[in-house]
N, C-alpha and C. Protein backbone atom coordinates (compact mmCIF):
# COMPACT_ATOMS: atom_id res chain seq x y z
N UNK A 1 4.77 -2.43 12.92
CA UNK A 1 5.42 -3.17 13.98
C UNK A 1 4.41 -4.14 14.58
N UNK A 2 4.89 -5.31 14.84
CA UNK A 2 4.05 -6.34 15.43
C UNK A 2 4.70 -6.85 16.70
N UNK A 3 3.87 -7.23 17.64
CA UNK A 3 4.35 -7.82 18.88
C UNK A 3 4.10 -9.32 18.79
N UNK A 4 5.19 -10.09 18.88
CA UNK A 4 5.05 -11.54 18.79
C UNK A 4 6.17 -12.20 19.58
N UNK A 5 6.00 -13.50 19.86
CA UNK A 5 6.98 -14.24 20.65
C UNK A 5 8.29 -14.43 19.91
N UNK A 6 8.21 -14.59 18.58
CA UNK A 6 9.43 -14.81 17.79
C UNK A 6 9.19 -14.42 16.33
N UNK A 7 10.25 -14.53 15.54
CA UNK A 7 10.18 -14.15 14.13
C UNK A 7 9.18 -15.02 13.37
N UNK A 8 9.14 -16.30 13.69
CA UNK A 8 8.21 -17.21 13.01
C UNK A 8 6.76 -16.79 13.24
N UNK A 9 6.44 -16.38 14.47
CA UNK A 9 5.07 -15.94 14.78
C UNK A 9 4.71 -14.69 13.99
N UNK A 10 5.66 -13.80 13.83
CA UNK A 10 5.42 -12.59 13.03
C UNK A 10 5.16 -12.98 11.58
N UNK A 11 6.01 -13.84 11.05
CA UNK A 11 5.85 -14.28 9.66
C UNK A 11 4.50 -14.96 9.45
N UNK A 12 4.11 -15.83 10.38
CA UNK A 12 2.82 -16.52 10.26
C UNK A 12 1.65 -15.54 10.31
N UNK A 13 1.76 -14.54 11.20
CA UNK A 13 0.69 -13.55 11.31
C UNK A 13 0.57 -12.74 10.02
N UNK A 14 1.70 -12.32 9.47
CA UNK A 14 1.66 -11.55 8.22
C UNK A 14 1.12 -12.38 7.07
N UNK A 15 1.54 -13.61 6.99
CA UNK A 15 1.05 -14.49 5.91
C UNK A 15 -0.45 -14.74 6.03
N UNK A 16 -0.96 -14.82 7.25
CA UNK A 16 -2.40 -15.02 7.42
C UNK A 16 -3.19 -13.80 6.94
N UNK A 17 -2.51 -12.66 6.88
CA UNK A 17 -3.14 -11.42 6.37
C UNK A 17 -2.89 -11.23 4.88
N UNK A 18 -2.29 -12.24 4.25
CA UNK A 18 -2.03 -12.17 2.82
C UNK A 18 -0.76 -11.41 2.46
N UNK A 19 0.11 -11.19 3.42
CA UNK A 19 1.36 -10.48 3.17
C UNK A 19 2.53 -11.46 3.21
N UNK A 20 3.56 -11.18 2.44
CA UNK A 20 4.72 -12.05 2.38
C UNK A 20 5.97 -11.22 2.64
N UNK A 21 6.39 -11.17 3.91
CA UNK A 21 7.54 -10.33 4.27
C UNK A 21 8.84 -10.84 3.65
N UNK A 22 9.70 -9.90 3.28
CA UNK A 22 11.01 -10.26 2.75
C UNK A 22 12.07 -10.19 3.85
N UNK A 23 11.80 -9.43 4.91
CA UNK A 23 12.74 -9.33 6.03
C UNK A 23 11.95 -8.98 7.29
N UNK A 24 12.37 -9.56 8.39
CA UNK A 24 11.75 -9.27 9.70
C UNK A 24 12.89 -9.02 10.66
N UNK A 25 12.83 -7.88 11.35
CA UNK A 25 13.88 -7.52 12.29
C UNK A 25 13.28 -7.09 13.61
N UNK A 26 13.95 -7.38 14.72
CA UNK A 26 13.49 -6.88 16.02
C UNK A 26 13.52 -5.35 16.03
N UNK A 27 12.57 -4.74 16.68
CA UNK A 27 12.46 -3.28 16.70
C UNK A 27 13.70 -2.63 17.31
N UNK A 28 14.34 -3.27 18.26
CA UNK A 28 15.54 -2.69 18.89
C UNK A 28 16.65 -2.48 17.87
N UNK A 29 16.82 -3.40 16.94
CA UNK A 29 17.85 -3.26 15.91
C UNK A 29 17.54 -2.10 14.98
N UNK A 30 16.29 -1.94 14.63
CA UNK A 30 15.88 -0.85 13.75
C UNK A 30 16.09 0.48 14.43
N UNK A 31 15.70 0.58 15.70
CA UNK A 31 15.86 1.83 16.44
C UNK A 31 17.33 2.21 16.59
N UNK A 32 18.19 1.24 16.84
CA UNK A 32 19.63 1.52 16.98
C UNK A 32 20.20 2.02 15.67
N UNK A 33 19.84 1.40 14.56
CA UNK A 33 20.33 1.82 13.25
C UNK A 33 19.83 3.22 12.92
N UNK A 34 18.57 3.49 13.22
CA UNK A 34 17.99 4.80 12.94
C UNK A 34 18.66 5.88 13.76
N UNK A 35 18.97 5.58 15.02
CA UNK A 35 19.62 6.54 15.90
C UNK A 35 21.00 6.93 15.36
N UNK A 36 21.77 5.96 14.92
CA UNK A 36 23.09 6.24 14.38
C UNK A 36 23.01 6.99 13.07
N UNK A 37 22.02 6.68 12.25
CA UNK A 37 21.90 7.31 10.94
C UNK A 37 21.49 8.76 11.05
N UNK A 38 20.84 9.15 12.13
CA UNK A 38 20.34 10.51 12.24
C UNK A 38 21.16 11.38 13.17
N UNK A 39 22.32 10.91 13.58
CA UNK A 39 23.18 11.69 14.45
C UNK A 39 23.79 12.84 13.65
N UNK A 40 23.66 14.05 14.15
CA UNK A 40 24.18 15.23 13.47
C UNK A 40 25.39 15.79 14.18
N UNK A 41 26.28 16.40 13.43
CA UNK A 41 27.40 17.09 14.03
C UNK A 41 26.85 18.23 14.89
N UNK A 42 27.55 18.57 15.96
CA UNK A 42 27.04 19.56 16.91
C UNK A 42 26.81 20.92 16.27
N UNK A 43 27.68 21.34 15.34
CA UNK A 43 27.47 22.64 14.70
C UNK A 43 26.24 22.64 13.80
N UNK A 44 26.01 21.53 13.10
CA UNK A 44 24.82 21.42 12.25
C UNK A 44 23.55 21.34 13.09
N UNK A 45 23.61 20.62 14.19
CA UNK A 45 22.46 20.53 15.09
C UNK A 45 22.14 21.91 15.67
N UNK A 46 23.17 22.67 16.07
CA UNK A 46 22.95 24.00 16.62
C UNK A 46 22.31 24.93 15.58
N UNK A 47 22.81 24.89 14.36
CA UNK A 47 22.26 25.73 13.29
C UNK A 47 20.79 25.39 13.02
N UNK A 48 20.52 24.11 12.90
CA UNK A 48 19.15 23.66 12.62
C UNK A 48 18.21 24.04 13.75
N UNK A 49 18.67 23.88 14.98
CA UNK A 49 17.85 24.23 16.14
C UNK A 49 17.58 25.73 16.19
N UNK A 50 18.59 26.54 15.89
CA UNK A 50 18.39 28.00 15.86
C UNK A 50 17.38 28.40 14.79
N UNK A 51 17.49 27.77 13.61
CA UNK A 51 16.53 28.07 12.53
C UNK A 51 15.11 27.72 12.97
N UNK A 52 14.95 26.57 13.56
CA UNK A 52 13.64 26.14 14.02
C UNK A 52 13.10 27.08 15.10
N UNK A 53 13.96 27.45 16.04
CA UNK A 53 13.54 28.35 17.13
C UNK A 53 13.13 29.71 16.59
N UNK A 54 13.86 30.22 15.62
CA UNK A 54 13.53 31.52 15.02
C UNK A 54 12.18 31.49 14.33
N UNK A 55 11.93 30.43 13.58
CA UNK A 55 10.65 30.33 12.88
C UNK A 55 9.48 30.20 13.86
N UNK A 56 9.64 29.39 14.89
CA UNK A 56 8.57 29.22 15.88
C UNK A 56 8.35 30.52 16.65
N UNK A 57 9.44 31.22 17.02
CA UNK A 57 9.32 32.49 17.75
C UNK A 57 8.63 33.56 16.91
N UNK A 58 8.72 33.44 15.58
CA UNK A 58 8.08 34.43 14.72
C UNK A 58 6.57 34.18 14.59
N UNK A 59 6.11 33.07 15.18
CA UNK A 59 4.68 32.78 15.15
C UNK A 59 4.29 31.69 14.17
N UNK A 60 5.25 31.12 13.49
CA UNK A 60 4.95 30.05 12.54
C UNK A 60 4.58 28.79 13.33
N UNK A 61 3.54 28.09 12.94
CA UNK A 61 3.18 26.82 13.61
C UNK A 61 4.33 25.82 13.48
N UNK A 62 4.47 24.98 14.50
CA UNK A 62 5.60 24.05 14.56
C UNK A 62 5.68 23.14 13.34
N UNK A 63 4.56 22.60 12.88
CA UNK A 63 4.62 21.70 11.73
C UNK A 63 5.12 22.42 10.48
N UNK A 64 4.72 23.67 10.30
CA UNK A 64 5.20 24.44 9.15
C UNK A 64 6.67 24.81 9.31
N UNK A 65 7.08 25.11 10.54
CA UNK A 65 8.48 25.45 10.80
C UNK A 65 9.38 24.25 10.53
N UNK A 66 8.95 23.07 10.96
CA UNK A 66 9.73 21.86 10.69
C UNK A 66 9.85 21.61 9.19
N UNK A 67 8.74 21.77 8.47
CA UNK A 67 8.76 21.58 7.02
C UNK A 67 9.69 22.59 6.35
N UNK A 68 9.68 23.82 6.82
CA UNK A 68 10.55 24.86 6.24
C UNK A 68 12.02 24.55 6.49
N UNK A 69 12.35 24.11 7.70
CA UNK A 69 13.74 23.76 8.02
C UNK A 69 14.21 22.60 7.15
N UNK A 70 13.37 21.60 6.97
CA UNK A 70 13.72 20.47 6.12
C UNK A 70 13.92 20.92 4.69
N UNK A 71 13.01 21.73 4.20
CA UNK A 71 13.07 22.20 2.81
C UNK A 71 14.32 23.03 2.54
N UNK A 72 14.74 23.82 3.51
CA UNK A 72 15.88 24.73 3.32
C UNK A 72 17.21 24.09 3.66
N UNK A 73 17.21 22.90 4.21
CA UNK A 73 18.45 22.26 4.63
C UNK A 73 19.29 21.84 3.42
N UNK A 74 20.58 22.13 3.51
CA UNK A 74 21.52 21.70 2.47
C UNK A 74 22.13 20.34 2.80
N UNK A 75 21.92 19.90 4.02
CA UNK A 75 22.53 18.66 4.48
C UNK A 75 21.47 17.56 4.56
N UNK A 76 21.63 16.48 3.81
CA UNK A 76 20.61 15.41 3.79
C UNK A 76 20.32 14.81 5.15
N UNK A 77 21.33 14.66 6.00
CA UNK A 77 21.10 14.06 7.33
C UNK A 77 20.21 14.96 8.18
N UNK A 78 20.36 16.26 8.06
CA UNK A 78 19.52 17.19 8.82
C UNK A 78 18.08 17.09 8.34
N UNK A 79 17.88 16.97 7.07
CA UNK A 79 16.52 16.86 6.53
C UNK A 79 15.84 15.58 7.00
N UNK A 80 16.59 14.49 7.10
CA UNK A 80 16.01 13.22 7.53
C UNK A 80 15.79 13.16 9.04
N UNK A 81 16.48 14.00 9.79
CA UNK A 81 16.33 14.01 11.24
C UNK A 81 14.95 14.49 11.63
N UNK A 82 14.44 15.44 10.90
CA UNK A 82 13.13 15.99 11.21
C UNK A 82 12.11 15.31 10.36
């Protein structure tokens, strides 16, 4: 992510670094798309949260618990959420 006055300034900055962007988008648009793409149904969110809570309560470190929940998930959206 780059902070610039406009798209042209971002493109110029990237080109000066030897990069040639194929698309440039404002961060707000990316965040909105990502938020919609990772929205889970309430029952799936509850299940995933319970699994995570159980693993953490058993003493598993959070990073390992998150990896385990992702690995065991049958639903692709749940795996991408974490």
